[in-house]
PDB file of N, CA and C in Angstrom:
ATOM      1  N   MET A   1       2.802  -7.848  -4.943  1.00  0.00           N
ATOM      2  CA  MET A   1       2.398  -7.565  -3.590  1.00  0.00           C
ATOM      3  C   MET A   1       1.768  -8.816  -2.992  1.00  0.00           C
ATOM      4  N   ASN A   2       2.022  -9.028  -1.741  1.00  0.00           N
ATOM      5  CA  ASN A   2       1.483 -10.173  -1.025  1.00  0.00           C
ATOM      6  C   ASN A   2       0.098  -9.809  -0.494  1.00  0.00           C
ATOM      7  N   THR A   3      -0.950 -10.191  -1.230  1.00  0.00           N
ATOM      8  CA  THR A   3      -2.307  -9.815  -0.846  1.00  0.00           C
ATOM      9  C   THR A   3      -2.796 -10.568   0.381  1.00  0.00           C
ATOM     10  N   GLN A   4      -2.173 -11.694   0.710  1.00  0.00           N
ATOM     11  CA  GLN A   4      -2.576 -12.435   1.900  1.00  0.00           C
ATOM     12  C   GLN A   4      -2.063 -11.775   3.170  1.00  0.00           C
ATOM     13  N   ALA A   5      -0.995 -11.023   3.100  1.00  0.00           N
ATOM     14  CA  ALA A   5      -0.446 -10.348   4.267  1.00  0.00           C
ATOM     15  C   ALA A   5      -1.028  -8.958   4.463  1.00  0.00           C
ATOM     16  N   LEU A   6      -1.683  -8.415   3.449  1.00  0.00           N
ATOM     17  CA  LEU A   6      -2.184  -7.045   3.519  1.00  0.00           C
ATOM     18  C   LEU A   6      -3.206  -6.819   4.634  1.00  0.00           C
ATOM     19  N   PRO A   7      -4.179  -7.705   4.874  1.00  0.00           N
ATOM     20  CA  PRO A   7      -5.126  -7.447   5.967  1.00  0.00           C
ATOM     21  C   PRO A   7      -4.446  -7.290   7.335  1.00  0.00           C
ATOM     22  N   ALA A   8      -3.440  -8.089   7.596  1.00  0.00           N
ATOM     23  CA  ALA A   8      -2.734  -7.983   8.871  1.00  0.00           C
ATOM     24  C   ALA A   8      -2.018  -6.638   8.979  1.00  0.00           C
ATOM     25  N   HIS A   9      -1.413  -6.178   7.897  1.00  0.00           N
ATOM     26  CA  HIS A   9      -0.723  -4.892   7.903  1.00  0.00           C
ATOM     27  C   HIS A   9      -1.703  -3.729   8.079  1.00  0.00           C
ATOM     28  N   VAL A  10      -2.857  -3.811   7.435  1.00  0.00           N
ATOM     29  CA  VAL A  10      -3.861  -2.757   7.559  1.00  0.00           C
ATOM     30  C   VAL A  10      -4.398  -2.706   8.990  1.00  0.00           C
ATOM     31  N   LEU A  11      -4.733  -3.856   9.545  1.00  0.00           N
ATOM     32  CA  LEU A  11      -5.245  -3.889  10.918  1.00  0.00           C
ATOM     33  C   LEU A  11      -4.202  -3.391  11.902  1.00  0.00           C
ATOM     34  N   LEU A  12      -2.967  -3.778  11.711  1.00  0.00           N
ATOM     35  CA  LEU A  12      -1.901  -3.324  12.597  1.00  0.00           C
ATOM     36  C   LEU A  12      -1.699  -1.814  12.484  1.00  0.00           C
ATOM     37  N   ALA A  13      -1.806  -1.263  11.302  1.00  0.00           N
ATOM     38  CA  ALA A  13      -1.683   0.188  11.132  1.00  0.00           C
ATOM     39  C   ALA A  13      -2.811   0.916  11.855  1.00  0.00           C
ATOM     40  N   LEU A  14      -4.018   0.385  11.779  1.00  0.00           N
ATOM     41  CA  LEU A  14      -5.146   0.985  12.492  1.00  0.00           C
ATOM     42  C   LEU A  14      -4.957   0.918  14.005  1.00  0.00           C
ATOM     43  N   VAL A  15      -4.505  -0.215  14.503  1.00  0.00           N
ATOM     44  CA  VAL A  15      -4.310  -0.387  15.940  1.00  0.00           C
ATOM     45  C   VAL A  15      -3.192   0.524  16.438  1.00  0.00           C
ATOM     46  N   ARG A  16      -2.114   0.640  15.674  1.00  0.00           N
ATOM     47  CA  ARG A  16      -1.029   1.543  16.078  1.00  0.00           C
ATOM     48  C   ARG A  16      -1.506   2.987  16.153  1.00  0.00           C
ATOM     49  N   ALA A  17      -2.259   3.411  15.156  1.00  0.00           N
ATOM     50  CA  ALA A  17      -2.779   4.781  15.155  1.00  0.00           C
ATOM     51  C   ALA A  17      -3.701   5.003  16.344  1.00  0.00           C
ATOM     52  N   HIS A  18      -4.554   4.044  16.629  1.00  0.00           N
ATOM     53  CA  HIS A  18      -5.471   4.168  17.762  1.00  0.00           C
ATOM     54  C   HIS A  18      -4.710   4.192  19.086  1.00  0.00           C
ATOM     55  N   SER A  19      -3.696   3.347  19.209  1.00  0.00           N
ATOM     56  CA  SER A  19      -2.907   3.297  20.436  1.00  0.00           C
ATOM     57  C   SER A  19      -2.133   4.589  20.676  1.00  0.00           C
ATOM     58  N   GLU A  20      -1.694   5.229  19.592  1.00  0.00           N
ATOM     59  CA  GLU A  20      -0.930   6.469  19.703  1.00  0.00           C
ATOM     60  C   GLU A  20      -1.826   7.705  19.775  1.00  0.00           C
ATOM     61  N   GLY A  21      -3.139   7.501  19.699  1.00  0.00           N
ATOM     62  CA  GLY A  21      -4.065   8.617  19.783  1.00  0.00           C
ATOM     63  C   GLY A  21      -4.206   9.401  18.494  1.00  0.00           C
ATOM     64  N   ARG A  22      -3.714   8.836  17.388  1.00  0.00           N
ATOM     65  CA  ARG A  22      -3.827   9.503  16.091  1.00  0.00           C
ATOM     66  C   ARG A  22      -5.111   9.046  15.411  1.00  0.00           C
ATOM     67  N   SER A  23      -5.652   9.902  14.574  1.00  0.00           N
ATOM     68  CA  SER A  23      -6.796   9.483  13.774  1.00  0.00           C
ATOM     69  C   SER A  23      -6.277   8.789  12.512  1.00  0.00           C
ATOM     70  N   ALA A  24      -6.994   7.782  12.104  1.00  0.00           N
ATOM     71  CA  ALA A  24      -6.598   7.038  10.908  1.00  0.00           C
ATOM     72  C   ALA A  24      -7.635   7.282   9.824  1.00  0.00           C
ATOM     73  N   SER A  25      -7.184   7.327   8.610  1.00  0.00           N
ATOM     74  CA  SER A  25      -8.075   7.455   7.462  1.00  0.00           C
ATOM     75  C   SER A  25      -7.540   6.555   6.355  1.00  0.00           C
ATOM     76  N   LEU A  26      -8.295   6.465   5.309  1.00  0.00           N
ATOM     77  CA  LEU A  26      -7.856   5.676   4.166  1.00  0.00           C
ATOM     78  C   LEU A  26      -6.529   6.216   3.643  1.00  0.00           C
ATOM     79  N   GLU A  27      -6.408   7.531   3.580  1.00  0.00           N
ATOM     80  CA  GLU A  27      -5.186   8.156   3.074  1.00  0.00           C
ATOM     81  C   GLU A  27      -3.973   7.868   3.962  1.00  0.00           C
ATOM     82  N   THR A  28      -4.146   7.946   5.279  1.00  0.00           N
ATOM     83  CA  THR A  28      -2.999   7.713   6.163  1.00  0.00           C
ATOM     84  C   THR A  28      -2.518   6.272   6.076  1.00  0.00           C
ATOM     85  N   ILE A  29      -3.454   5.343   5.923  1.00  0.00           N
ATOM     86  CA  ILE A  29      -3.061   3.932   5.808  1.00  0.00           C
ATOM     87  C   ILE A  29      -2.363   3.683   4.474  1.00  0.00           C
ATOM     88  N   VAL A  30      -2.894   4.262   3.409  1.00  0.00           N
ATOM     89  CA  VAL A  30      -2.271   4.126   2.084  1.00  0.00           C
ATOM     90  C   VAL A  30      -0.863   4.708   2.108  1.00  0.00           C
ATOM     91  N   ASP A  31      -0.707   5.876   2.717  1.00  0.00           N
ATOM     92  CA  ASP A  31       0.615   6.509   2.784  1.00  0.00           C
ATOM     93  C   ASP A  31       1.586   5.696   3.639  1.00  0.00           C
ATOM     94  N   GLU A  32       1.092   5.144   4.734  1.00  0.00           N
ATOM     95  CA  GLU A  32       1.972   4.375   5.623  1.00  0.00           C
ATOM     96  C   GLU A  32       2.426   3.066   4.998  1.00  0.00           C
ATOM     97  N   LEU A  33       1.506   2.365   4.348  1.00  0.00           N
ATOM     98  CA  LEU A  33       1.835   1.050   3.789  1.00  0.00           C
ATOM     99  C   LEU A  33       2.334   1.127   2.350  1.00  0.00           C
ATOM    100  N   LYS A  34       2.110   2.254   1.688  1.00  0.00           N
ATOM    101  CA  LYS A  34       2.522   2.450   0.300  1.00  0.00           C
ATOM    102  C   LYS A  34       1.941   1.371  -0.625  1.00  0.00           C
ATOM    103  N   VAL A  35       0.613   1.220  -0.525  1.00  0.00           N
ATOM    104  CA  VAL A  35      -0.118   0.290  -1.383  1.00  0.00           C
ATOM    105  C   VAL A  35      -1.244   1.057  -2.068  1.00  0.00           C
ATOM    106  N   ARG A  36      -1.893   0.410  -3.029  1.00  0.00           N
ATOM    107  CA  ARG A  36      -2.964   1.073  -3.771  1.00  0.00           C
ATOM    108  C   ARG A  36      -4.191   1.307  -2.895  1.00  0.00           C
ATOM    109  N   ARG A  37      -4.844   2.412  -3.156  1.00  0.00           N
ATOM    110  CA  ARG A  37      -6.032   2.802  -2.397  1.00  0.00           C
ATOM    111  C   ARG A  37      -7.146   1.761  -2.525  1.00  0.00           C
ATOM    112  N   THR A  38      -7.338   1.218  -3.724  1.00  0.00           N
ATOM    113  CA  THR A  38      -8.413   0.241  -3.931  1.00  0.00           C
ATOM    114  C   THR A  38      -8.175  -1.031  -3.126  1.00  0.00           C
ATOM    115  N   ASP A  39      -6.914  -1.434  -2.993  1.00  0.00           N
ATOM    116  CA  ASP A  39      -6.596  -2.618  -2.199  1.00  0.00           C
ATOM    117  C   ASP A  39      -6.938  -2.388  -0.727  1.00  0.00           C
ATOM    118  N   VAL A  40      -6.555  -1.235  -0.202  1.00  0.00           N
ATOM    119  CA  VAL A  40      -6.823  -0.930   1.209  1.00  0.00           C
ATOM    120  C   VAL A  40      -8.324  -0.797   1.440  1.00  0.00           C
ATOM    121  N   ARG A  41      -9.026  -0.165   0.511  1.00  0.00           N
ATOM    122  CA  ARG A  41     -10.477  -0.007   0.652  1.00  0.00           C
ATOM    123  C   ARG A  41     -11.160  -1.369   0.705  1.00  0.00           C
ATOM    124  N   GLY A  42     -10.744  -2.288  -0.154  1.00  0.00           N
ATOM    125  CA  GLY A  42     -11.328  -3.631  -0.146  1.00  0.00           C
ATOM    126  C   GLY A  42     -11.036  -4.384   1.131  1.00  0.00           C
ATOM    127  N   ILE A  43      -9.811  -4.249   1.634  1.00  0.00           N
ATOM    128  CA  ILE A  43      -9.433  -4.921   2.875  1.00  0.00           C
ATOM    129  C   ILE A  43     -10.216  -4.351   4.048  1.00  0.00           C
ATOM    130  N   LEU A  44     -10.368  -3.018   4.094  1.00  0.00           N
ATOM    131  CA  LEU A  44     -11.139  -2.398   5.177  1.00  0.00           C
ATOM    132  C   LEU A  44     -12.594  -2.859   5.156  1.00  0.00           C
ATOM    133  N   SER A  45     -13.165  -2.991   3.967  1.00  0.00           N
ATOM    134  CA  SER A  45     -14.541  -3.480   3.859  1.00  0.00           C
ATOM    135  C   SER A  45     -14.654  -4.914   4.374  1.00  0.00           C
ATOM    136  N   ALA A  46     -13.689  -5.740   3.999  1.00  0.00           N
ATOM    137  CA  ALA A  46     -13.706  -7.135   4.462  1.00  0.00           C
ATOM    138  C   ALA A  46     -13.533  -7.214   5.977  1.00  0.00           C
ATOM    139  N   LEU A  47     -12.621  -6.416   6.529  1.00  0.00           N
ATOM    140  CA  LEU A  47     -12.420  -6.411   7.978  1.00  0.00           C
ATOM    141  C   LEU A  47     -13.654  -5.882   8.700  1.00  0.00           C
ATOM    142  N   HIS A  48     -14.362  -4.947   8.077  1.00  0.00           N
ATOM    143  CA  HIS A  48     -15.597  -4.419   8.659  1.00  0.00           C
ATOM    144  C   HIS A  48     -16.668  -5.510   8.697  1.00  0.00           C
ATOM    145  N   HIS A  49     -16.817  -6.247   7.601  1.00  0.00           N
ATOM    146  CA  HIS A  49     -17.812  -7.314   7.537  1.00  0.00           C
ATOM    147  C   HIS A  49     -17.494  -8.451   8.500  1.00  0.00           C
ATOM    148  N   GLU A  50     -16.208  -8.664   8.773  1.00  0.00           N
ATOM    149  CA  GLU A  50     -15.814  -9.711   9.709  1.00  0.00           C
ATOM    150  C   GLU A  50     -15.871  -9.253  11.158  1.00  0.00           C
ATOM    151  N   GLY A  51     -16.092  -7.957  11.382  1.00  0.00           N
ATOM    152  CA  GLY A  51     -16.251  -7.451  12.742  1.00  0.00           C
ATOM    153  C   GLY A  51     -14.967  -6.995  13.408  1.00  0.00           C
ATOM    154  N   PHE A  52     -13.912  -6.759  12.643  1.00  0.00           N
ATOM    155  CA  PHE A  52     -12.643  -6.337  13.230  1.00  0.00           C
ATOM    156  C   PHE A  52     -12.417  -4.829  13.156  1.00  0.00           C
ATOM    157  N   VAL A  53     -13.135  -4.148  12.263  1.00  0.00           N
ATOM    158  CA  VAL A  53     -12.949  -2.708  12.076  1.00  0.00           C
ATOM    159  C   VAL A  53     -14.321  -2.051  11.947  1.00  0.00           C
ATOM    160  N   ASP A  54     -14.475  -0.887  12.573  1.00  0.00           N
ATOM    161  CA  ASP A  54     -15.647  -0.052  12.364  1.00  0.00           C
ATOM    162  C   ASP A  54     -15.247   1.000  11.334  1.00  0.00           C
ATOM    163  N   VAL A  55     -15.658   0.795  10.095  1.00  0.00           N
ATOM    164  CA  VAL A  55     -15.214   1.647   9.003  1.00  0.00           C
ATOM    165  C   VAL A  55     -15.795   3.055   9.120  1.00  0.00           C
ATOM    166  N   LEU A  56     -16.982   3.189   9.674  1.00  0.00           N
ATOM    167  CA  LEU A  56     -17.595   4.511   9.803  1.00  0.00           C
ATOM    168  C   LEU A  56     -16.778   5.417  10.718  1.00  0.00           C
ATOM    169  N   ARG A  57     -16.170   4.844  11.727  1.00  0.00           N
ATOM    170  CA  ARG A  57     -15.343   5.617  12.650  1.00  0.00           C
ATOM    171  C   ARG A  57     -13.844   5.406  12.422  1.00  0.00           C
ATOM    172  N   MET A  58     -13.506   4.493  11.499  1.00  0.00           N
ATOM    173  CA  MET A  58     -12.109   4.144  11.200  1.00  0.00           C
ATOM    174  C   MET A  58     -11.347   3.788  12.472  1.00  0.00           C
ATOM    175  N   ARG A  59     -11.947   2.895  13.240  1.00  0.00           N
ATOM    176  CA  ARG A  59     -11.333   2.415  14.475  1.00  0.00           C
ATOM    177  C   ARG A  59     -11.487   0.902  14.546  1.00  0.00           C
ATOM    178  N   PRO A  60     -10.538   0.240  15.172  1.00  0.00           N
ATOM    179  CA  PRO A  60     -10.703  -1.209  15.353  1.00  0.00           C
ATOM    180  C   PRO A  60     -11.765  -1.484  16.411  1.00  0.00           C
ATOM    181  N   THR A  61     -12.494  -2.569  16.241  1.00  0.00           N
ATOM    182  CA  THR A  61     -13.419  -3.007  17.282  1.00  0.00           C
ATOM    183  C   THR A  61     -12.603  -3.658  18.388  1.00  0.00           C
ATOM    184  N   LEU A  62     -13.262  -4.112  19.430  1.00  0.00           N
ATOM    185  CA  LEU A  62     -12.534  -4.755  20.520  1.00  0.00           C
ATOM    186  C   LEU A  62     -11.817  -6.014  20.027  1.00  0.00           C
ATOM    187  N   ALA A  63     -12.514  -6.799  19.206  1.00  0.00           N
ATOM    188  CA  ALA A  63     -11.880  -8.001  18.641  1.00  0.00           C
ATOM    189  C   ALA A  63     -10.727  -7.620  17.720  1.00  0.00           C
ATOM    190  N   GLY A  64     -10.906  -6.576  16.927  1.00  0.00           N
ATOM    191  CA  GLY A  64      -9.852  -6.118  16.031  1.00  0.00           C
ATOM    192  C   GLY A  64      -8.657  -5.567  16.795  1.00  0.00           C
ATOM    193  N   PHE A  65      -8.936  -4.859  17.888  1.00  0.00           N
ATOM    194  CA  PHE A  65      -7.846  -4.313  18.693  1.00  0.00           C
ATOM    195  C   PHE A  65      -7.036  -5.446  19.332  1.00  0.00           C
ATOM    196  N   ALA A  66      -7.729  -6.463  19.845  1.00  0.00           N
ATOM    197  CA  ALA A  66      -7.032  -7.604  20.453  1.00  0.00           C
ATOM    198  C   ALA A  66      -6.195  -8.345  19.410  1.00  0.00           C
ATOM    199  N   LEU A  67      -6.764  -8.548  18.230  1.00  0.00           N
ATOM    200  CA  LEU A  67      -6.022  -9.227  17.168  1.00  0.00           C
ATOM    201  C   LEU A  67      -4.840  -8.389  16.711  1.00  0.00           C
ATOM    202  N   GLY A  68      -5.038  -7.090  16.579  1.00  0.00           N
ATOM    203  CA  GLY A  68      -3.959  -6.201  16.163  1.00  0.00           C
ATOM    204  C   GLY A  68      -2.829  -6.142  17.173  1.00  0.00           C
ATOM    205  N   ARG A  69      -3.161  -6.135  18.454  1.00  0.00           N
ATOM    206  CA  ARG A  69      -2.123  -6.131  19.493  1.00  0.00           C
ATOM    207  C   ARG A  69      -1.332  -7.441  19.467  1.00  0.00           C
ATOM    208  N   SER A  70      -2.001  -8.542  19.190  1.00  0.00           N
ATOM    209  CA  SER A  70      -1.272  -9.811  19.105  1.00  0.00           C
ATOM    210  C   SER A  70      -0.396  -9.850  17.852  1.00  0.00           C
ATOM    211  N   LEU A  71      -0.821  -9.182  16.784  1.00  0.00           N
ATOM    212  CA  LEU A  71      -0.001  -9.123  15.570  1.00  0.00           C
ATOM    213  C   LEU A  71       1.238  -8.260  15.771  1.00  0.00           C
ATOM    214  N   ALA A  72       1.175  -7.331  16.712  1.00  0.00           N
ATOM    215  CA  ALA A  72       2.320  -6.455  16.960  1.00  0.00           C
ATOM    216  C   ALA A  72       3.494  -7.225  17.555  1.00  0.00           C
ATOM    217  N   CYS A  73       3.221  -8.390  18.115  1.00  0.00           N
ATOM    218  CA  CYS A  73       4.265  -9.188  18.773  1.00  0.00           C
ATOM    219  C   CYS A  73       4.973 -10.148  17.827  1.00  0.00           C
ATOM    220  N   VAL A  74       4.476 -10.281  16.618  1.00  0.00           N
ATOM    221  CA  VAL A  74       5.089 -11.213  15.661  1.00  0.00           C
ATOM    222  C   VAL A  74       5.588 -10.446  14.444  1.00  0.00           C
ATOM    223  N   GLU A  75       6.473 -11.070  13.706  1.00  0.00           N
ATOM    224  CA  GLU A  75       6.974 -10.459  12.478  1.00  0.00           C
ATOM    225  C   GLU A  75       6.035 -10.826  11.334  1.00  0.00           C
ATOM    226  N   LEU A  76       5.436  -9.811  10.733  1.00  0.00           N
ATOM    227  CA  LEU A  76       4.492 -10.046   9.638  1.00  0.00           C
ATOM    228  C   LEU A  76       5.244 -10.327   8.340  1.00  0.00           C
ATOM    229  N   PRO A  77       4.639 -11.094   7.446  1.00  0.00           N
ATOM    230  CA  PRO A  77       5.271 -11.311   6.140  1.00  0.00           C
ATOM    231  C   PRO A  77       5.396  -9.991   5.388  1.00  0.00           C
ATOM    232  N   ALA A  78       6.400  -9.890   4.578  1.00  0.00           N
ATOM    233  CA  ALA A  78       6.631  -8.669   3.803  1.00  0.00           C
ATOM    234  C   ALA A  78       5.510  -8.461   2.794  1.00  0.00           C
ATOM    235  N   LEU A  79       5.176  -7.206   2.550  1.00  0.00           N
ATOM    236  CA  LEU A  79       4.146  -6.902   1.550  1.00  0.00           C
ATOM    237  C   LEU A  79       4.661  -7.101   0.132  1.00  0.00           C
ATOM    238  N   ARG A  80       5.949  -6.878  -0.058  1.00  0.00           N
ATOM    239  CA  ARG A  80       6.549  -7.012  -1.382  1.00  0.00           C
ATOM    240  C   ARG A  80       7.796  -7.875  -1.317  1.00  0.00           C
ATOM    241  N   ARG A  81       8.094  -8.495  -2.445  1.00  0.00           N
ATOM    242  CA  ARG A  81       9.343  -9.255  -2.525  1.00  0.00           C
ATOM    243  C   ARG A  81      10.499  -8.285  -2.580  1.00  0.00           C
ATOM    244  N   PRO A  82      11.628  -8.648  -1.997  1.00  0.00           N
ATOM    245  CA  PRO A  82      12.796  -7.754  -2.110  1.00  0.00           C
ATOM    246  C   PRO A  82      13.265  -7.685  -3.554  1.00  0.00           C
ATOM    247  N   LYS A  83      13.734  -6.516  -3.935  1.00  0.00           N
ATOM    248  CA  LYS A  83      14.220  -6.337  -5.302  1.00  0.00           C
ATOM    249  C   LYS A  83      15.569  -7.031  -5.462  1.00  0.00           C
ATOM    250  N   LEU A  84      15.735  -7.644  -6.594  1.00  0.00           N
ATOM    251  CA  LEU A  84      16.991  -8.297  -6.896  1.00  0.00           C
ATOM    252  C   LEU A  84      17.980  -7.299  -7.444  1.00  0.00           C
ATOM    253  N   ALA A  85      19.216  -7.479  -7.100  1.00  0.00           N
ATOM    254  CA  ALA A  85      20.261  -6.586  -7.606  1.00  0.00           C
ATOM    255  C   ALA A  85      20.512  -6.898  -9.082  1.00  0.00           C
ATOM    256  N   VAL A  86      20.720  -5.871  -9.830  1.00  0.00           N
ATOM    257  CA  VAL A  86      20.997  -6.032 -11.261  1.00  0.00           C
ATOM    258  C   VAL A  86      22.512  -6.119 -11.437  1.00  0.00           C
ATOM    259  N   VAL A  87      22.928  -7.168 -12.096  1.00  0.00           N
ATOM    260  CA  VAL A  87      24.360  -7.357 -12.346  1.00  0.00           C
ATOM    261  C   VAL A  87      24.621  -6.993 -13.790  1.00  0.00           C
ATOM    262  N   ARG A  88      25.505  -6.052 -13.981  1.00  0.00           N
ATOM    263  CA  ARG A  88      25.841  -5.618 -15.325  1.00  0.00           C
ATOM    264  C   ARG A  88      27.164  -6.263 -15.767  1.00  0.00           C
ATOM    265  N   ALA A  89      27.145  -6.744 -16.980  1.00  0.00           N
ATOM    266  CA  ALA A  89      28.364  -7.330 -17.548  1.00  0.00           C
ATOM    267  C   ALA A  89      29.275  -6.211 -18.001  1.00  0.00           C
ATOM    268  N   ALA A  90      30.550  -6.340 -17.659  1.00  0.00           N
ATOM    269  CA  ALA A  90      31.504  -5.282 -18.038  1.00  0.00           C
ATOM    270  C   ALA A  90      32.146  -5.557 -19.358  1.00  0.00           C
TER     271      ALA A  90
END
């Protein structure tokens, strides 16, 4: 998993949920991104300490919302490497 791209994906998931009027939780983000709960929890804590997410309300701050909206306009790096096809010898 690409741990350097995970914060951008988590913030973007929060901003999308907020923009669509949905509530976001740790579970919804884990289900959407299909990553481990501990990884998302650590990223949310880091984003909270940096001032981009209010973890108590599970909402992006104004700075986090602005950053998340700008991330929506670019293609984010993949969270996982694509799987290689297995070639079987006949």
